[in-house]
């Protein structure tokens, strides 16, 4: 019901995911330099990026729904 709150919370989630990805990349880089190891790509590496994409898509859908509801209010 409260789409504006959903949009604000979703922006917070997007920012938290972005911070998590940034910190994870920095940590992996520091560990790989310290222990001289290489990163093997896998499914777990793609999960934060999938979370970010799904959060962005949900924000767009909520925004589109809000615009649709406001256009119906103008017609009344």
N, C-alpha and C. Protein backbone atom coordinates (compact mmCIF):
# COMPACT_ATOMS: atom_id res chain seq x y z
N UNK A 1 0.82 -1.20 0.00
CA UNK A 1 0.00 0.00 0.00
C UNK A 1 0.86 1.26 0.00
N UNK A 2 1.94 1.27 0.74
CA UNK A 2 2.74 2.47 0.88
C UNK A 2 3.96 2.38 -0.04
N UNK A 3 3.75 2.78 -1.28
CA UNK A 3 4.80 2.64 -2.29
C UNK A 3 5.97 3.59 -2.07
N UNK A 4 5.71 4.76 -1.53
CA UNK A 4 6.81 5.71 -1.28
C UNK A 4 7.78 5.15 -0.24
N UNK A 5 7.26 4.51 0.79
CA UNK A 5 8.11 3.87 1.79
C UNK A 5 8.88 2.71 1.17
N UNK A 6 8.22 1.94 0.33
CA UNK A 6 8.89 0.83 -0.36
C UNK A 6 10.03 1.34 -1.22
N UNK A 7 9.82 2.46 -1.89
CA UNK A 7 10.87 3.02 -2.75
C UNK A 7 12.06 3.48 -1.91
N UNK A 8 11.80 4.12 -0.77
CA UNK A 8 12.88 4.57 0.11
C UNK A 8 13.67 3.38 0.66
N UNK A 9 12.96 2.36 1.11
CA UNK A 9 13.63 1.17 1.64
C UNK A 9 14.43 0.46 0.55
N UNK A 10 13.89 0.45 -0.65
CA UNK A 10 14.58 -0.20 -1.76
C UNK A 10 15.86 0.55 -2.12
N UNK A 11 15.83 1.87 -2.07
CA UNK A 11 17.05 2.65 -2.31
C UNK A 11 18.09 2.33 -1.24
N UNK A 12 17.64 2.19 0.02
CA UNK A 12 18.55 1.80 1.09
C UNK A 12 19.17 0.44 0.85
N UNK A 13 18.38 -0.49 0.39
CA UNK A 13 18.88 -1.83 0.08
C UNK A 13 19.90 -1.78 -1.05
N UNK A 14 19.60 -0.99 -2.08
CA UNK A 14 20.53 -0.87 -3.21
C UNK A 14 21.86 -0.30 -2.73
N UNK A 15 21.81 0.72 -1.89
CA UNK A 15 23.05 1.30 -1.37
C UNK A 15 23.82 0.30 -0.50
N UNK A 16 23.11 -0.46 0.34
CA UNK A 16 23.78 -1.46 1.18
C UNK A 16 24.43 -2.56 0.34
N UNK A 17 23.75 -2.99 -0.71
CA UNK A 17 24.32 -4.01 -1.59
C UNK A 17 25.56 -3.46 -2.29
N UNK A 18 25.49 -2.21 -2.73
CA UNK A 18 26.64 -1.59 -3.39
C UNK A 18 27.83 -1.49 -2.44
N UNK A 19 27.58 -1.11 -1.19
CA UNK A 19 28.65 -1.04 -0.18
C UNK A 19 29.22 -2.44 0.07
N UNK A 20 28.34 -3.44 0.16
CA UNK A 20 28.78 -4.82 0.38
C UNK A 20 29.67 -5.30 -0.77
N UNK A 21 29.28 -5.01 -2.00
CA UNK A 21 30.08 -5.43 -3.15
C UNK A 21 31.44 -4.74 -3.11
N UNK A 22 31.45 -3.45 -2.82
CA UNK A 22 32.70 -2.71 -2.77
C UNK A 22 33.63 -3.26 -1.70
N UNK A 23 33.10 -3.48 -0.50
CA UNK A 23 33.93 -4.01 0.59
C UNK A 23 34.41 -5.43 0.29
N UNK A 24 33.57 -6.23 -0.35
CA UNK A 24 33.96 -7.59 -0.70
C UNK A 24 35.10 -7.60 -1.72
N UNK A 25 35.01 -6.73 -2.71
CA UNK A 25 36.06 -6.65 -3.73
C UNK A 25 37.37 -6.21 -3.09
N UNK A 26 37.30 -5.21 -2.21
CA UNK A 26 38.52 -4.75 -1.54
C UNK A 26 39.12 -5.85 -0.67
N UNK A 27 38.29 -6.59 0.05
CA UNK A 27 38.77 -7.66 0.91
C UNK A 27 39.41 -8.78 0.09
N UNK A 28 38.77 -9.16 -1.01
CA UNK A 28 39.31 -10.20 -1.87
C UNK A 28 40.64 -9.76 -2.46
N UNK A 29 40.72 -8.50 -2.87
CA UNK A 29 41.97 -7.99 -3.42
C UNK A 29 43.08 -8.02 -2.38
N UNK A 30 42.78 -7.59 -1.16
CA UNK A 30 43.79 -7.60 -0.10
C UNK A 30 44.25 -9.01 0.25
N UNK A 31 43.33 -9.95 0.32
CA UNK A 31 43.68 -11.33 0.64
C UNK A 31 44.49 -11.95 -0.48
N UNK A 32 44.10 -11.66 -1.74
CA UNK A 32 44.83 -12.26 -2.86
C UNK A 32 46.25 -11.72 -2.95
N UNK A 33 46.45 -10.47 -2.60
CA UNK A 33 47.80 -9.90 -2.61
C UNK A 33 48.61 -10.46 -1.44
N UNK A 34 47.99 -10.56 -0.27
CA UNK A 34 48.71 -11.01 0.92
C UNK A 34 49.14 -12.47 0.83
N UNK A 35 48.25 -13.33 0.33
CA UNK A 35 48.56 -14.76 0.29
C UNK A 35 48.94 -15.27 -1.09
N UNK A 36 48.98 -14.38 -2.08
CA UNK A 36 49.38 -14.73 -3.44
C UNK A 36 48.52 -15.87 -4.00
N UNK A 37 47.21 -15.66 -3.97
CA UNK A 37 46.25 -16.65 -4.49
C UNK A 37 45.46 -16.01 -5.63
N UNK A 38 44.80 -16.86 -6.42
CA UNK A 38 43.95 -16.37 -7.49
C UNK A 38 42.50 -16.68 -7.17
N UNK A 39 41.62 -15.87 -7.68
CA UNK A 39 40.18 -16.02 -7.44
C UNK A 39 39.59 -16.93 -8.52
N UNK A 40 38.90 -17.96 -8.08
CA UNK A 40 38.22 -18.83 -9.04
C UNK A 40 36.75 -18.43 -9.08
N UNK A 41 36.26 -18.01 -10.25
CA UNK A 41 34.87 -17.54 -10.33
C UNK A 41 33.90 -18.69 -10.10
N UNK A 42 32.80 -18.37 -9.44
CA UNK A 42 31.77 -19.35 -9.17
C UNK A 42 30.43 -18.66 -8.97
N UNK A 43 29.45 -19.45 -8.58
CA UNK A 43 28.10 -18.93 -8.39
C UNK A 43 28.05 -17.92 -7.24
N UNK A 44 28.80 -18.19 -6.18
CA UNK A 44 28.79 -17.29 -5.02
C UNK A 44 29.34 -15.92 -5.36
N UNK A 45 30.19 -15.84 -6.34
CA UNK A 45 30.75 -14.56 -6.77
C UNK A 45 29.69 -13.71 -7.47
N UNK A 46 28.73 -14.34 -8.13
CA UNK A 46 27.71 -13.61 -8.88
C UNK A 46 26.50 -13.23 -8.04
N UNK A 47 26.34 -13.80 -6.87
CA UNK A 47 25.15 -13.54 -6.05
C UNK A 47 24.98 -12.07 -5.68
N UNK A 48 25.98 -11.36 -5.22
CA UNK A 48 25.75 -9.94 -4.90
C UNK A 48 25.33 -9.11 -6.11
N UNK A 49 25.87 -9.43 -7.28
CA UNK A 49 25.48 -8.71 -8.48
C UNK A 49 24.04 -9.03 -8.88
N UNK A 50 23.63 -10.28 -8.68
CA UNK A 50 22.24 -10.65 -8.94
C UNK A 50 21.31 -9.96 -7.96
N UNK A 51 21.73 -9.83 -6.70
CA UNK A 51 20.94 -9.11 -5.71
C UNK A 51 20.78 -7.65 -6.11
N UNK A 52 21.85 -7.04 -6.58
CA UNK A 52 21.80 -5.64 -6.99
C UNK A 52 20.87 -5.45 -8.19
N UNK A 53 20.96 -6.33 -9.15
CA UNK A 53 20.10 -6.24 -10.33
C UNK A 53 18.64 -6.41 -9.95
N UNK A 54 18.34 -7.39 -9.09
CA UNK A 54 16.94 -7.60 -8.69
C UNK A 54 16.41 -6.43 -7.87
N UNK A 55 17.24 -5.81 -7.05
CA UNK A 55 16.80 -4.65 -6.28
C UNK A 55 16.52 -3.46 -7.20
N UNK A 56 17.35 -3.27 -8.20
CA UNK A 56 17.13 -2.18 -9.15
C UNK A 56 15.85 -2.42 -9.95
N UNK A 57 15.64 -3.65 -10.38
CA UNK A 57 14.42 -3.96 -11.13
C UNK A 57 13.17 -3.80 -10.28
N UNK A 58 13.24 -4.16 -9.01
CA UNK A 58 12.09 -3.99 -8.13
C UNK A 58 11.81 -2.51 -7.89
N UNK A 59 12.85 -1.69 -7.78
CA UNK A 59 12.65 -0.25 -7.63
C UNK A 59 11.95 0.32 -8.86
N UNK A 60 12.39 -0.10 -10.02
CA UNK A 60 11.76 0.39 -11.26
C UNK A 60 10.30 -0.02 -11.34
N UNK A 61 9.99 -1.24 -10.90
CA UNK A 61 8.60 -1.71 -10.94
C UNK A 61 7.72 -0.94 -9.95
N UNK A 62 8.25 -0.66 -8.77
CA UNK A 62 7.50 0.10 -7.78
C UNK A 62 7.26 1.51 -8.29
N UNK A 63 8.27 2.12 -8.89
CA UNK A 63 8.14 3.47 -9.43
C UNK A 63 7.11 3.51 -10.56
N UNK A 64 7.14 2.51 -11.42
CA UNK A 64 6.18 2.43 -12.52
C UNK A 64 4.75 2.29 -11.98
N UNK A 65 4.57 1.47 -10.95
CA UNK A 65 3.27 1.30 -10.33
C UNK A 65 2.79 2.60 -9.69
N UNK A 66 3.69 3.32 -9.04
CA UNK A 66 3.33 4.60 -8.43
C UNK A 66 2.88 5.61 -9.50
N UNK A 67 3.58 5.64 -10.61
CA UNK A 67 3.19 6.54 -11.70
C UNK A 67 1.84 6.15 -12.29
N UNK A 68 1.56 4.86 -12.38
CA UNK A 68 0.28 4.39 -12.90
C UNK A 68 -0.85 4.81 -11.97
N UNK A 69 -0.67 4.62 -10.67
CA UNK A 69 -1.71 4.99 -9.70
C UNK A 69 -1.94 6.50 -9.71
N UNK A 70 -0.87 7.28 -9.81
CA UNK A 70 -1.03 8.73 -9.82
C UNK A 70 -1.72 9.20 -11.10
N UNK A 71 -1.50 8.51 -12.21
CA UNK A 71 -2.19 8.89 -13.45
C UNK A 71 -3.69 8.58 -13.35
N UNK A 72 -4.05 7.49 -12.66
CA UNK A 72 -5.46 7.19 -12.44
C UNK A 72 -6.12 8.22 -11.54
N UNK A 73 -5.38 8.73 -10.57
CA UNK A 73 -5.91 9.75 -9.69
C UNK A 73 -6.18 11.04 -10.45
N UNK A 74 -5.37 11.35 -11.44
CA UNK A 74 -5.59 12.55 -12.24
C UNK A 74 -6.83 12.44 -13.11
N UNK A 75 -7.16 11.22 -13.51
CA UNK A 75 -8.32 11.04 -14.39
C UNK A 75 -9.64 11.19 -13.65
N UNK A 76 -9.63 10.97 -12.35
CA UNK A 76 -10.89 11.04 -11.60
C UNK A 76 -11.40 12.41 -11.48
